[in-house]
Amino acid sequence: MKKVKVAVVGCGSISDIYLSNITSGKFQILEAVACSDIFEAKAKASAEKYGIKAMTLDEICADKEIEMVINLTIPAAHYAVIKQCLKAGKHVWSEKMIAVELKEGKELVKLANEKGLWLGVAPDTFLGASCQTAKYIVEHGLIGTPVSAHAAISRNYGIYGEFLTHLWKKGAGIGFDMGGYYLTALASILGPVKNLAAFTKVNNPKRVNTRVGAPDFEKKYELEVPNVITATMQYKNGVLATLHMNSDCILDETYSLIIYGTEGILYMGNPNEFGNPVYIQKTNSEKVVFPLTHGYQENSRGLGAAEMAWSIRAGRNNRASKEMAYHVFEMMHGIMQSADTGKEYKMQSTFETPEALPEGFIGDGGWTRKEESALI
């Protein structure tokens, strides 16, 4: 199978794991050939480290051999970068979320459809061993019929936001930054949401950067996004779910992702990781570890781009689809709108629940299947 040549745009902190996984041969379908960044020195450093070429975004878009762009820029740049690449005829895999404004995300989905191009959006952690095992448990009826679900996360964005300043700006915050992991994990198993209602709060909005040595040390800034979020969601299949997010808490990250069924309870792993343990609990029993049924247990960022590349070659829709990404994006906007208006938000978009990956592929060197069998 002919490899898909890719260029990475955005050489920030997340780019290392993407480029490391791709250039190490972890994903046989991908070939990294170039990288780009608005800071030329960053692009050159990444290019030298991974043996690829430093290029401008315009040069990447003009290069006919590059089929796919992996967009790892900050959220505020997603719309412009994705649009330019799509208009240049490139398939695009982007870090979450698809854009900042809802209308921008809708426009990008429409543009990709009009151009006949693949567009995929992170997170791809739902393709990892943990979430795929959870999907296996639900689809095989091991907890009966799903009835309700709960997702929660707390961490201290006051600390993270002092060096990743986009986290407290519009289009980010714990909702748009971390919400995608939890909502996508549930969406990949439970399908689309019908309606939702929410409350949000901006706790202690006026801040001072306390990170010694940071360029913005002792500078004042103001949070542009809520740091406390609660929501209730009704899925089209009848499942009721709650979401709780708090980024004005202690540094230690806590998480919970649970699906309650008529015959058992499923405790999913951290949706920001690929291979956390998965537990089930039955009547009159303590929760027990369920063996992971799928591969990609280690940090496999880039898996979504690889699966999309195989989809391009096979001529089918990719699992981390633009439709599911837009639906999750609309959900978070709906949560903000519901909190602002005090009214229930009715979802306008939908998507086809992605099929599970085939079982048995290890993905960490101890392969039991060829990659194309596992990702097609």
Protein backbone atom coordinates (compact mmCIF):
# COMPACT_ATOMS: atom_id res chain seq x y z
CA MET A 1 0.00 0.00 0.00
CA LYS A 2 1.37 3.41 -1.00
CA LYS A 3 2.23 5.52 2.04
CA VAL A 4 0.48 8.83 2.67
CA LYS A 5 2.99 11.67 2.83
CA VAL A 6 2.18 14.09 5.63
CA ALA A 7 3.36 17.47 6.85
CA VAL A 8 2.99 18.65 10.44
CA VAL A 9 1.93 22.26 10.97
CA GLY A 10 2.65 23.55 14.46
CA CYS A 11 5.83 22.40 16.22
CA GLY A 12 4.72 22.95 19.80
CA SER A 13 4.79 20.50 22.71
CA ILE A 14 2.32 17.96 21.25
CA SER A 15 4.25 17.68 17.98
CA ASP A 16 7.02 15.56 19.49
CA ILE A 17 4.85 12.53 20.22
CA TYR A 18 3.19 12.79 16.79
CA LEU A 19 6.48 13.02 14.92
CA SER A 20 8.17 10.42 17.10
CA ASN A 21 5.39 7.90 16.50
CA ILE A 22 5.26 8.57 12.76
CA THR A 23 8.99 8.67 12.02
CA SER A 24 9.65 5.57 14.15
CA GLY A 25 7.49 3.52 11.81
CA LYS A 26 4.74 2.94 14.35
CA PHE A 27 2.17 3.73 11.67
CA GLN A 28 3.27 2.05 8.46
CA ILE A 29 0.83 4.01 6.30
CA LEU A 30 2.26 7.45 7.21
CA GLU A 31 5.45 9.11 5.99
CA ALA A 32 6.38 12.43 7.59
CA VAL A 33 8.17 14.63 5.06
CA ALA A 34 7.87 18.20 6.36
CA CYS A 35 6.98 20.48 9.26
CA SER A 36 6.07 24.12 9.68
CA ASP A 37 5.65 26.70 12.42
CA ILE A 38 5.10 30.46 12.59
CA PHE A 39 8.39 30.53 14.51
CA GLU A 40 10.97 29.48 11.93
CA ALA A 41 13.46 28.31 14.56
CA LYS A 42 10.94 25.82 15.94
CA ALA A 43 10.29 24.36 12.51
CA LYS A 44 14.00 24.02 11.79
CA ALA A 45 14.65 22.35 15.14
CA SER A 46 11.88 19.79 14.60
CA ALA A 47 12.98 19.20 11.00
CA GLU A 48 16.53 18.50 12.11
CA LYS A 49 15.44 16.26 14.99
CA TYR A 50 13.19 14.07 12.84
CA GLY A 51 15.02 14.15 9.54
CA ILE A 52 12.35 16.01 7.61
CA LYS A 53 12.12 19.31 5.76
CA ALA A 54 11.17 22.69 7.26
CA MET A 55 8.64 24.44 5.04
CA THR A 56 6.17 27.31 5.19
CA LEU A 57 2.45 26.55 5.18
CA ASP A 58 2.20 28.02 1.68
CA GLU A 59 4.99 25.72 0.48
CA ILE A 60 3.26 22.71 2.03
CA CYS A 61 -0.03 23.59 0.35
CA ALA A 62 1.76 23.95 -3.00
CA ASP A 63 3.62 20.64 -2.73
CA LYS A 64 1.69 18.06 -4.79
CA GLU A 65 3.38 15.09 -3.12
CA ILE A 66 2.04 16.00 0.34
CA GLU A 67 -1.42 14.45 0.65
CA MET A 68 -2.24 15.14 4.30
CA VAL A 69 -1.59 17.94 6.76
CA ILE A 70 -1.52 17.25 10.51
CA ASN A 71 -2.60 20.50 12.14
CA LEU A 72 -1.14 20.89 15.65
CA THR A 73 -1.53 24.66 16.00
CA ILE A 74 -3.36 26.40 18.85
CA PRO A 75 -7.20 26.36 18.67
CA ALA A 76 -7.38 29.98 17.49
CA ALA A 77 -5.44 29.02 14.35
CA HIS A 78 -7.33 25.81 13.53
CA TYR A 79 -9.96 27.36 11.28
CA ALA A 80 -7.53 29.33 9.09
CA VAL A 81 -5.02 26.48 8.76
CA ILE A 82 -7.61 23.79 8.02
CA LYS A 83 -9.39 26.01 5.51
CA GLN A 84 -6.20 26.88 3.63
CA CYS A 85 -5.17 23.23 3.45
CA LEU A 86 -8.58 22.01 2.32
CA LYS A 87 -8.73 24.67 -0.36
CA ALA A 88 -5.31 23.47 -1.53
CA GLY A 89 -6.69 19.95 -1.90
CA LYS A 90 -5.05 18.45 1.20
CA HIS A 91 -6.67 15.97 3.57
CA VAL A 92 -6.42 17.31 7.12
CA TRP A 93 -6.07 15.74 10.53
CA SER A 94 -6.35 18.40 13.27
CA GLU A 95 -5.89 18.55 16.99
CA LYS A 96 -9.05 19.34 18.93
CA MET A 97 -11.30 21.18 18.54
CA ILE A 98 -12.15 21.79 14.89
CA ALA A 99 -12.37 25.60 15.31
CA VAL A 100 -13.36 28.30 17.80
CA GLU A 101 -16.70 29.52 16.46
CA LEU A 102 -19.48 27.05 15.69
CA LYS A 103 -20.10 28.54 12.25
CA GLU A 104 -16.41 28.03 11.42
CA GLY A 105 -16.62 24.32 12.22
CA LYS A 106 -19.75 23.96 10.13
CA GLU A 107 -18.06 25.73 7.21
CA LEU A 108 -15.03 23.42 7.36
CA VAL A 109 -17.18 20.29 7.32
CA LYS A 110 -19.06 21.64 4.31
CA LEU A 111 -15.83 22.58 2.52
CA ALA A 112 -14.33 19.12 3.05
CA ASN A 113 -17.50 17.54 1.68
CA GLU A 114 -17.53 19.82 -1.35
CA LYS A 115 -13.87 19.07 -2.09
CA GLY A 116 -14.23 15.33 -1.49
CA LEU A 117 -11.49 15.43 1.14
CA TRP A 118 -11.02 13.60 4.43
CA LEU A 119 -11.07 15.72 7.58
CA GLY A 120 -10.40 14.14 10.97
CA VAL A 121 -10.20 15.75 14.38
CA ALA A 122 -8.67 14.68 17.69
CA PRO A 123 -8.98 13.21 20.18
CA ASP A 124 -7.93 9.84 18.81
CA THR A 125 -7.57 8.36 22.28
CA PHE A 126 -10.99 6.74 21.80
CA LEU A 127 -9.28 4.43 19.28
CA GLY A 128 -6.94 3.19 22.01
CA ALA A 129 -7.18 -0.03 24.00
CA SER A 130 -9.11 1.43 26.94
CA CYS A 131 -12.04 3.01 25.11
CA GLN A 132 -12.23 0.25 22.50
CA THR A 133 -12.44 -2.32 25.31
CA ALA A 134 -15.22 -0.29 26.91
CA LYS A 135 -17.01 -0.26 23.57
CA TYR A 136 -16.58 -4.04 23.36
CA ILE A 137 -18.13 -4.46 26.82
CA VAL A 138 -21.18 -2.36 25.95
CA GLU A 139 -21.72 -3.84 22.48
CA HIS A 140 -21.48 -7.39 23.83
CA GLY A 141 -24.13 -6.68 26.46
CA LEU A 142 -21.84 -7.31 29.43
CA ILE A 143 -23.49 -4.53 31.47
CA GLY A 144 -26.92 -5.03 29.93
CA THR A 145 -28.61 -1.99 28.41
CA PRO A 146 -26.87 1.36 29.11
CA VAL A 147 -29.17 3.62 31.11
CA SER A 148 -27.03 6.50 32.37
CA ALA A 149 -23.48 7.82 32.36
CA HIS A 150 -21.24 10.21 34.28
CA ALA A 151 -18.11 12.07 33.19
CA ALA A 152 -15.99 14.30 35.43
CA ILE A 153 -12.55 15.90 35.54
CA SER A 154 -10.77 18.35 37.82
CA ARG A 155 -7.30 19.87 37.51
CA ASN A 156 -5.55 23.21 38.02
CA TYR A 157 -5.55 25.23 34.80
CA GLY A 158 -4.24 28.24 36.74
CA ILE A 159 -0.85 26.53 36.65
CA TYR A 160 -1.09 25.14 33.09
CA GLY A 161 -2.39 28.46 31.79
CA GLU A 162 0.70 30.32 32.97
CA PHE A 163 2.84 28.72 30.26
CA LEU A 164 0.12 27.53 27.85
CA THR A 165 -1.62 30.88 27.70
CA HIS A 166 -4.17 29.79 25.07
CA LEU A 167 -5.87 27.70 27.78
CA TRP A 168 -7.57 30.72 29.33
CA LYS A 169 -8.57 32.28 26.03
CA LYS A 170 -11.70 31.86 23.92
CA GLY A 171 -11.85 28.49 22.21
CA ALA A 172 -10.02 26.70 25.00
CA GLY A 173 -10.47 26.41 28.75
CA ILE A 174 -11.24 23.07 30.36
CA GLY A 175 -14.44 22.74 28.30
CA PHE A 176 -12.99 23.02 24.83
CA ASP A 177 -9.57 21.65 25.80
CA MET A 178 -10.51 18.60 27.90
CA GLY A 179 -14.23 18.24 27.21
CA GLY A 180 -13.53 16.71 23.82
CA TYR A 181 -11.87 13.65 25.39
CA TYR A 182 -14.82 12.81 27.62
CA LEU A 183 -17.60 13.69 25.20
CA THR A 184 -15.89 11.90 22.30
CA ALA A 185 -15.32 8.75 24.37
CA LEU A 186 -19.03 8.65 25.25
CA ALA A 187 -20.07 9.56 21.70
CA SER A 188 -18.02 6.72 20.23
CA ILE A 189 -20.03 4.27 22.36
CA LEU A 190 -23.42 5.87 22.96
CA GLY A 191 -23.81 7.83 19.72
CA PRO A 192 -25.24 11.34 19.24
CA VAL A 193 -26.91 13.57 21.83
CA LYS A 194 -30.48 14.84 21.43
CA ASN A 195 -30.50 17.77 23.86
CA LEU A 196 -28.69 19.18 26.88
CA ALA A 197 -28.81 21.77 29.66
CA ALA A 198 -25.97 23.34 31.60
CA PHE A 199 -24.61 25.79 34.15
CA THR A 200 -21.14 27.37 34.00
CA LYS A 201 -19.06 29.68 36.17
CA VAL A 202 -15.91 31.76 35.81
CA ASN A 203 -14.34 31.40 39.25
CA ASN A 204 -11.75 34.06 40.16
CA PRO A 205 -11.57 35.55 36.64
CA LYS A 206 -8.81 38.08 37.32
CA ARG A 207 -5.40 36.44 37.67
CA VAL A 208 -1.68 37.22 37.87
CA ASN A 209 0.95 35.02 36.24
CA THR A 210 3.05 33.62 39.11
CA ARG A 211 5.40 31.41 37.06
CA VAL A 212 8.94 32.64 37.75
CA GLY A 213 10.92 32.91 34.53
CA ALA A 214 7.86 32.97 32.28
CA PRO A 215 7.70 35.79 29.68
CA ASP A 216 4.44 36.96 31.29
CA PHE A 217 5.63 36.67 34.89
CA GLU A 218 3.66 38.98 37.22
CA LYS A 219 1.47 40.19 34.36
CA LYS A 220 -2.26 40.39 34.96
CA TYR A 221 -4.68 38.45 32.77
CA GLU A 222 -8.38 37.62 32.79
CA LEU A 223 -10.06 34.28 32.09
CA GLU A 224 -12.16 34.41 28.92
CA VAL A 225 -13.83 31.02 29.43
CA PRO A 226 -15.67 29.21 32.26
CA ASN A 227 -13.57 27.11 34.60
CA VAL A 228 -16.47 25.30 36.26
CA ILE A 229 -18.98 23.44 34.07
CA THR A 230 -21.91 21.16 34.86
CA ALA A 231 -24.25 19.72 32.24
CA THR A 232 -26.87 17.06 31.71
CA MET A 233 -27.30 15.32 28.35
CA GLN A 234 -29.96 13.15 26.79
CA TYR A 235 -28.65 10.82 24.11
CA LYS A 236 -30.78 9.78 21.17
CA ASN A 237 -30.70 6.20 22.43
CA GLY A 238 -32.30 7.34 25.70
CA VAL A 239 -29.22 7.33 27.93
CA LEU A 240 -29.05 10.23 30.40
CA ALA A 241 -25.61 11.57 31.32
CA THR A 242 -23.96 14.20 33.50
CA LEU A 243 -20.76 16.14 32.89
CA HIS A 244 -18.72 17.91 35.58
CA MET A 245 -15.54 19.90 34.85
CA ASN A 246 -13.52 22.05 37.26
CA SER A 247 -10.19 23.67 36.37
CA ASP A 248 -9.92 25.80 39.50
CA CYS A 249 -9.01 22.93 41.77
CA ILE A 250 -5.81 21.19 42.94
CA LEU A 251 -3.04 20.32 40.49
CA ASP A 252 -3.60 16.56 40.80
CA GLU A 253 -5.88 15.49 37.97
CA THR A 254 -8.93 13.47 38.98
CA TYR A 255 -11.26 11.85 36.49
CA SER A 256 -14.34 9.65 36.29
CA LEU A 257 -16.00 8.09 33.25
CA ILE A 258 -18.74 5.60 34.06
CA ILE A 259 -21.58 3.95 32.13
CA TYR A 260 -24.37 2.41 34.23
CA GLY A 261 -26.25 -0.51 32.68
CA THR A 262 -29.20 -2.67 33.69
CA GLU A 263 -26.88 -5.58 34.49
CA GLY A 264 -23.62 -3.93 35.49
CA ILE A 265 -21.46 -0.84 35.74
CA LEU A 266 -18.58 0.02 33.40
CA TYR A 267 -15.68 2.08 34.76
CA MET A 268 -13.73 3.42 31.79
CA GLY A 269 -10.11 4.57 31.82
CA ASN A 270 -8.83 8.13 31.55
CA PRO A 271 -10.01 9.25 28.06
CA ASN A 272 -6.90 11.42 27.73
CA GLU A 273 -4.81 8.24 27.68
CA PHE A 274 -4.83 5.12 25.53
CA GLY A 275 -4.47 2.10 27.79
CA ASN A 276 -5.82 2.75 31.29
CA PRO A 277 -7.42 -0.23 33.05
CA VAL A 278 -11.13 -0.82 32.48
CA TYR A 279 -13.36 -2.26 35.22
CA ILE A 280 -16.82 -3.82 35.36
CA GLN A 281 -19.02 -4.45 38.37
CA LYS A 282 -21.88 -6.92 38.55
CA THR A 283 -24.53 -7.54 41.20
CA ASN A 284 -23.13 -8.55 44.62
CA SER A 285 -19.58 -8.18 43.33
CA GLU A 286 -16.72 -5.75 43.64
CA LYS A 287 -15.49 -4.09 40.46
CA VAL A 288 -12.88 -6.17 38.66
CA VAL A 289 -10.38 -5.44 35.90
CA PHE A 290 -11.57 -6.48 32.46
CA PRO A 291 -8.76 -7.63 30.11
CA LEU A 292 -8.04 -5.12 27.35
CA THR A 293 -9.44 -6.50 24.11
CA HIS A 294 -7.71 -4.08 21.76
CA GLY A 295 -4.28 -2.71 20.99
CA TYR A 296 -2.64 0.71 21.23
CA GLN A 297 -2.19 0.69 24.98
CA GLU A 298 0.78 3.10 24.97
CA ASN A 299 0.79 6.77 23.93
CA SER A 300 -0.31 6.41 20.31
CA ARG A 301 -1.09 9.98 19.32
CA GLY A 302 -1.23 10.07 15.56
CA LEU A 303 -3.39 6.92 15.54
CA GLY A 304 -6.35 8.93 14.26
CA ALA A 305 -4.27 10.31 11.41
CA ALA A 306 -3.05 6.80 10.56
CA GLU A 307 -6.57 5.37 10.64
CA MET A 308 -7.69 8.24 8.39
CA ALA A 309 -4.83 7.50 5.98
CA TRP A 310 -5.94 3.88 5.74
CA SER A 311 -9.50 5.16 5.20
CA ILE A 312 -8.31 7.32 2.32
CA ARG A 313 -6.62 4.33 0.69
CA ALA A 314 -9.68 2.12 1.32
CA GLY A 315 -12.15 4.79 0.19
CA ARG A 316 -14.26 4.72 3.35
CA ASN A 317 -15.15 7.16 6.13
CA ASN A 318 -12.65 7.52 8.95
CA ARG A 319 -13.67 6.66 12.51
CA ALA A 320 -12.56 9.99 14.04
CA SER A 321 -14.88 11.66 11.57
CA LYS A 322 -15.51 15.34 11.00
CA GLU A 323 -19.19 14.71 11.70
CA MET A 324 -18.57 13.28 15.17
CA ALA A 325 -15.99 16.00 15.86
CA TYR A 326 -18.45 18.71 14.84
CA HIS A 327 -21.19 17.11 16.97
CA VAL A 328 -18.94 17.18 20.05
CA PHE A 329 -17.94 20.75 19.15
CA GLU A 330 -21.61 21.73 18.94
CA MET A 331 -22.24 20.03 22.29
CA MET A 332 -19.69 22.24 24.01
CA HIS A 333 -21.09 25.34 22.33
CA GLY A 334 -24.56 24.17 23.34
CA ILE A 335 -23.40 23.85 26.94
CA MET A 336 -22.16 27.45 26.87
CA GLN A 337 -25.35 28.67 25.21
CA SER A 338 -27.59 26.82 27.66
CA ALA A 339 -25.68 28.31 30.58
CA ASP A 340 -25.94 31.81 29.10
CA THR A 341 -29.65 31.62 28.25
CA GLY A 342 -30.91 29.40 31.05
CA LYS A 343 -32.65 27.27 28.44
CA GLU A 344 -32.29 23.72 27.17
CA TYR A 345 -30.22 23.39 23.99
CA LYS A 346 -31.44 21.09 21.22
CA MET A 347 -28.68 19.60 19.10
CA GLN A 348 -28.81 20.25 15.36
CA SER A 349 -26.07 17.89 14.14
CA THR A 350 -25.71 14.13 14.19
CA PHE A 351 -23.25 11.43 13.08
CA GLU A 352 -22.89 7.71 12.52
CA THR A 353 -21.43 5.97 15.58
CA PRO A 354 -18.01 4.67 14.49
CA GLU A 355 -17.41 0.95 14.22
CA ALA A 356 -15.04 -0.62 16.72
CA LEU A 357 -11.52 -1.43 15.62
CA PRO A 358 -10.87 -5.15 15.08
CA GLU A 359 -9.72 -6.98 18.20
CA GLY A 360 -6.34 -8.49 18.84
CA PHE A 361 -3.93 -5.97 17.35
CA ILE A 362 -1.31 -5.14 19.95
CA GLY A 363 0.19 -2.07 18.29
CA ASP A 364 3.27 -1.84 20.49
CA GLY A 365 5.70 -4.14 18.71
CA GLY A 366 4.13 -7.45 19.71
CA TRP A 367 1.82 -7.54 16.74
CA THR A 368 -0.74 -10.26 16.22
CA ARG A 369 -2.14 -8.66 13.09
CA LYS A 370 -0.91 -6.49 10.28
CA GLU A 371 -1.65 -2.81 10.75
CA GLU A 372 -3.93 -2.63 7.74
CA SER A 373 -6.08 -5.43 9.18
CA ALA A 374 -6.40 -3.59 12.47
CA LEU A 375 -7.15 -0.15 11.09
CA ILE A 376 -9.33 -1.07 8.12
